[in-house]
């Protein structure tokens, strides 16, 4: 009976993770179609691409794979099934949303509209990312960097660590040849604090749902 309950809880957590992924990558898509800069991690990947000659997409995936290996070797319990789901589903979700929304907002749209879409994208990204993190089913390796450092450093809140990580990705990526836009800088200072607000909200909601669903099975 315990194994059945644990299995059901794990499936529910994977559902929350998938929902968070969809929300987060809707935010990423809004951010990208605003054409005001790439997200912070992509700047880093673009910098690596610039010096290696490898495509940005391959660099993005390669860096995530390297991070996964390092986290498996040097940390315990952070890499879970959901971490691989995040790596596999992110791109296709963005492609779908880009196909749906790209015709309405693009680089030819008015600047004010693009600015509003970019800011909205950052907020939605943070909300979805927070849901993925507290699902406890796994998190994408690039987002796990801030999570792990927050756990290890203890005295710094997630929003502060996330801003520092994003600034690191921006600075190193820019020094290596990546392109930084107004949206990139906005994301660095907005995503972490918004996610900090929603982390406890999502955690309470998930615990409430899990308690309700699992109690019905007893």
Protein backbone atom coordinates (compact mmCIF):
# COMPACT_ATOMS: atom_id res chain seq x y z
CA UNK A 1 0.00 0.00 0.00
CA UNK A 2 2.87 2.37 0.83
CA UNK A 3 4.50 1.72 -2.56
CA UNK A 4 1.21 2.51 -4.32
CA UNK A 5 0.86 5.79 -2.44
CA UNK A 6 4.47 6.76 -3.18
CA UNK A 7 4.00 5.90 -6.84
CA UNK A 8 0.85 8.02 -7.01
CA UNK A 9 2.59 10.91 -5.29
CA UNK A 10 5.48 10.70 -7.75
CA UNK A 11 3.10 10.78 -10.72
CA UNK A 12 1.33 13.80 -9.25
CA UNK A 13 4.67 15.56 -8.77
CA UNK A 14 5.59 14.82 -12.39
CA UNK A 15 2.27 16.38 -13.43
CA UNK A 16 3.13 19.54 -11.47
CA UNK A 17 6.58 19.56 -13.05
CA UNK A 18 5.12 19.25 -16.56
CA UNK A 19 2.64 22.05 -15.87
CA UNK A 20 5.49 24.20 -14.58
CA UNK A 21 7.54 23.43 -17.69
CA UNK A 22 4.69 24.51 -19.96
CA UNK A 23 4.20 27.76 -18.03
CA UNK A 24 7.92 28.49 -17.86
CA UNK A 25 8.48 27.91 -21.56
CA UNK A 26 5.49 30.04 -22.44
CA UNK A 27 7.40 32.75 -20.60
CA UNK A 28 10.59 31.93 -22.48
CA UNK A 29 8.70 32.13 -25.79
CA UNK A 30 7.22 35.53 -24.94
CA UNK A 31 10.71 36.65 -23.98
CA UNK A 32 12.19 35.43 -27.25
CA UNK A 33 9.52 36.78 -29.63
CA UNK A 34 9.95 40.24 -28.10
CA UNK A 35 13.38 40.27 -29.81
CA UNK A 36 14.93 42.27 -26.98
CA UNK A 37 17.68 39.83 -26.08
CA UNK A 38 18.14 36.19 -25.19
CA UNK A 39 17.80 34.70 -21.71
CA UNK A 40 20.87 34.71 -19.46
CA UNK A 41 21.86 31.06 -19.93
CA UNK A 42 21.55 31.33 -23.72
CA UNK A 43 23.99 34.28 -23.65
CA UNK A 44 26.45 31.95 -21.94
CA UNK A 45 25.80 29.21 -24.51
CA UNK A 46 26.20 31.76 -27.34
CA UNK A 47 29.56 32.82 -25.91
CA UNK A 48 30.76 29.21 -25.86
CA UNK A 49 29.43 28.83 -29.41
CA UNK A 50 31.39 31.91 -30.50
CA UNK A 51 34.74 30.52 -29.39
CA UNK A 52 34.15 26.87 -30.38
CA UNK A 53 32.26 27.27 -33.67
CA UNK A 54 29.61 24.83 -32.46
CA UNK A 55 25.95 25.88 -32.87
CA UNK A 56 24.24 27.64 -29.96
CA UNK A 57 21.68 24.85 -29.67
CA UNK A 58 24.35 22.16 -29.38
CA UNK A 59 26.31 24.26 -26.90
CA UNK A 60 23.14 24.79 -24.85
CA UNK A 61 22.47 21.04 -24.71
CA UNK A 62 26.14 20.20 -24.19
CA UNK A 63 26.51 22.53 -21.22
CA UNK A 64 23.37 21.07 -19.64
CA UNK A 65 24.75 17.55 -20.10
CA UNK A 66 28.04 18.58 -18.49
CA UNK A 67 26.14 20.14 -15.57
CA UNK A 68 24.09 16.97 -15.12
CA UNK A 69 27.25 14.83 -14.97
CA UNK A 70 28.92 17.20 -12.48
CA UNK A 71 25.80 17.27 -10.29
CA UNK A 72 25.52 13.48 -10.31
CA UNK A 73 29.19 13.21 -9.30
CA UNK A 74 29.38 15.96 -6.70
CA UNK A 75 25.84 16.41 -5.33
CA UNK A 76 23.25 13.98 -4.02
CA UNK A 77 19.54 13.89 -4.76
CA UNK A 78 19.29 16.91 -7.07
CA UNK A 79 19.24 15.12 -10.42
CA UNK A 80 15.93 13.28 -10.79
CA UNK A 81 13.73 12.01 -13.61
CA UNK A 82 12.30 15.49 -14.07
CA UNK A 83 15.76 16.91 -14.78
CA UNK A 84 15.94 14.86 -17.96
CA UNK A 85 12.32 15.70 -18.82
CA UNK A 86 13.23 19.40 -18.55
CA UNK A 87 16.10 18.92 -21.00
CA UNK A 88 14.00 16.96 -23.49
CA UNK A 89 10.70 18.88 -23.49
CA UNK A 90 11.88 22.49 -23.24
CA UNK A 91 12.74 22.93 -26.92
CA UNK A 92 9.57 21.35 -28.36
CA UNK A 93 7.34 23.37 -26.00
CA UNK A 94 9.02 26.59 -27.11
CA UNK A 95 8.58 25.60 -30.78
CA UNK A 96 4.85 25.05 -30.29
CA UNK A 97 4.32 28.36 -28.49
CA UNK A 98 6.48 30.18 -31.01
CA UNK A 99 4.34 28.79 -33.83
CA UNK A 100 1.18 29.92 -32.03
CA UNK A 101 2.34 33.37 -30.90
CA UNK A 102 5.14 34.40 -33.25
CA UNK A 103 2.73 35.79 -35.81
CA UNK A 104 1.29 38.27 -33.29
CA UNK A 105 4.51 39.64 -31.79
CA UNK A 106 7.87 39.86 -33.54
CA UNK A 107 10.78 42.23 -34.16
CA UNK A 108 8.54 44.41 -36.38
CA UNK A 109 5.99 45.02 -33.59
CA UNK A 110 5.93 48.38 -31.74
CA UNK A 111 8.70 48.69 -29.16
CA UNK A 112 6.28 49.33 -26.28
CA UNK A 113 4.40 46.11 -27.08
CA UNK A 114 7.63 44.15 -27.29
CA UNK A 115 8.79 45.62 -23.97
CA UNK A 116 5.51 44.65 -22.28
CA UNK A 117 5.63 41.13 -23.76
CA UNK A 118 9.25 40.73 -22.60
CA UNK A 119 8.43 41.79 -19.03
CA UNK A 120 5.37 39.52 -18.97
CA UNK A 121 7.49 36.67 -20.29
CA UNK A 122 10.02 37.11 -17.47
CA UNK A 123 7.25 36.98 -14.84
CA UNK A 124 5.58 33.91 -16.39
CA UNK A 125 8.97 32.21 -16.70
CA UNK A 126 9.63 32.80 -13.00
CA UNK A 127 6.19 31.47 -11.99
CA UNK A 128 6.66 28.30 -14.03
CA UNK A 129 10.25 27.80 -12.89
CA UNK A 130 9.18 28.07 -9.24
CA UNK A 131 6.53 25.39 -9.82
CA UNK A 132 9.10 23.08 -11.43
CA UNK A 133 11.49 23.55 -8.50
CA UNK A 134 8.95 22.84 -5.74
CA UNK A 135 7.44 19.88 -7.62
CA UNK A 136 10.45 18.01 -6.21
CA UNK A 137 10.44 15.79 -9.28
CA UNK A 138 13.58 17.31 -10.77
CA UNK A 139 14.74 20.63 -12.19
CA UNK A 140 16.65 21.63 -15.30
CA UNK A 141 20.42 21.63 -14.63
CA UNK A 142 20.89 25.32 -15.40
CA UNK A 143 18.20 26.24 -12.85
CA UNK A 144 19.60 23.71 -10.38
CA UNK A 145 22.83 25.71 -10.13
CA UNK A 146 21.02 28.42 -8.14
CA UNK A 147 19.03 25.86 -6.13
CA UNK A 148 22.14 23.93 -5.07
CA UNK A 149 24.11 27.07 -4.21
CA UNK A 150 21.17 28.37 -2.14
CA UNK A 151 21.05 25.10 -0.19
CA UNK A 152 24.82 25.03 0.34
CA UNK A 153 25.32 28.71 1.22
CA UNK A 154 22.21 28.79 3.45
CA UNK A 155 22.53 32.45 4.52
CA UNK A 156 21.56 33.79 1.07
CA UNK A 157 18.00 33.67 -0.26
CA UNK A 158 17.20 32.08 -3.61
CA UNK A 159 16.49 35.41 -5.34
CA UNK A 160 19.96 36.75 -4.46
CA UNK A 161 21.76 33.59 -5.58
CA UNK A 162 19.71 33.43 -8.78
CA UNK A 163 20.56 37.04 -9.68
CA UNK A 164 24.26 36.32 -9.09
CA UNK A 165 24.12 33.18 -11.25
CA UNK A 166 22.33 35.03 -14.04
CA UNK A 167 24.85 37.88 -13.92
CA UNK A 168 27.67 35.33 -14.07
CA UNK A 169 26.16 33.75 -17.19
CA UNK A 170 25.69 37.19 -18.78
CA UNK A 171 29.17 38.51 -18.02
CA UNK A 172 31.05 35.35 -19.03
CA UNK A 173 28.86 34.90 -22.11
CA UNK A 174 29.37 38.52 -23.16
CA UNK A 175 33.14 38.32 -22.64
CA UNK A 176 33.18 35.22 -24.85
CA UNK A 177 31.23 36.97 -27.61
CA UNK A 178 27.56 36.43 -26.71
CA UNK A 179 24.99 39.17 -27.34
CA UNK A 180 23.31 40.95 -24.43
CA UNK A 181 20.07 42.94 -24.80
CA UNK A 182 17.76 44.92 -22.53
CA UNK A 183 15.66 41.79 -22.07
CA UNK A 184 18.70 39.84 -20.88
CA UNK A 185 19.46 42.34 -18.13
CA UNK A 186 15.79 42.59 -17.16
CA UNK A 187 15.58 38.81 -16.84
CA UNK A 188 18.66 38.72 -14.63
CA UNK A 189 17.10 41.07 -12.07
CA UNK A 190 13.43 40.06 -12.39
CA UNK A 191 13.22 36.27 -12.66
CA UNK A 192 14.90 35.43 -9.35
CA UNK A 193 12.87 37.80 -7.13
CA UNK A 194 9.54 36.82 -8.75
CA UNK A 195 10.38 33.12 -8.37
CA UNK A 196 11.22 33.76 -4.70
CA UNK A 197 7.69 35.07 -4.16
CA UNK A 198 6.02 32.08 -5.80
CA UNK A 199 8.16 29.29 -4.31
CA UNK A 200 6.25 29.14 -0.98
CA UNK A 201 2.90 29.70 -2.73
CA UNK A 202 3.42 26.75 -5.06
CA UNK A 203 4.81 24.61 -2.22
CA UNK A 204 1.69 25.14 -0.10
CA UNK A 205 -0.61 24.42 -3.05
CA UNK A 206 1.24 21.24 -3.99
CA UNK A 207 1.22 19.97 -0.42
CA UNK A 208 -2.50 20.71 -0.18
CA UNK A 209 -3.26 18.81 -3.40
CA UNK A 210 -1.03 15.87 -2.46
CA UNK A 211 -2.59 15.59 0.96
CA UNK A 212 -6.08 15.65 -0.53
CA UNK A 213 -5.37 13.15 -3.34
CA UNK A 214 -3.34 10.72 -1.26
CA UNK A 215 -5.81 10.70 1.64
CA UNK A 216 -8.54 9.52 -0.73
CA UNK A 217 -6.49 6.40 -1.46
CA UNK A 218 -6.24 5.33 2.19
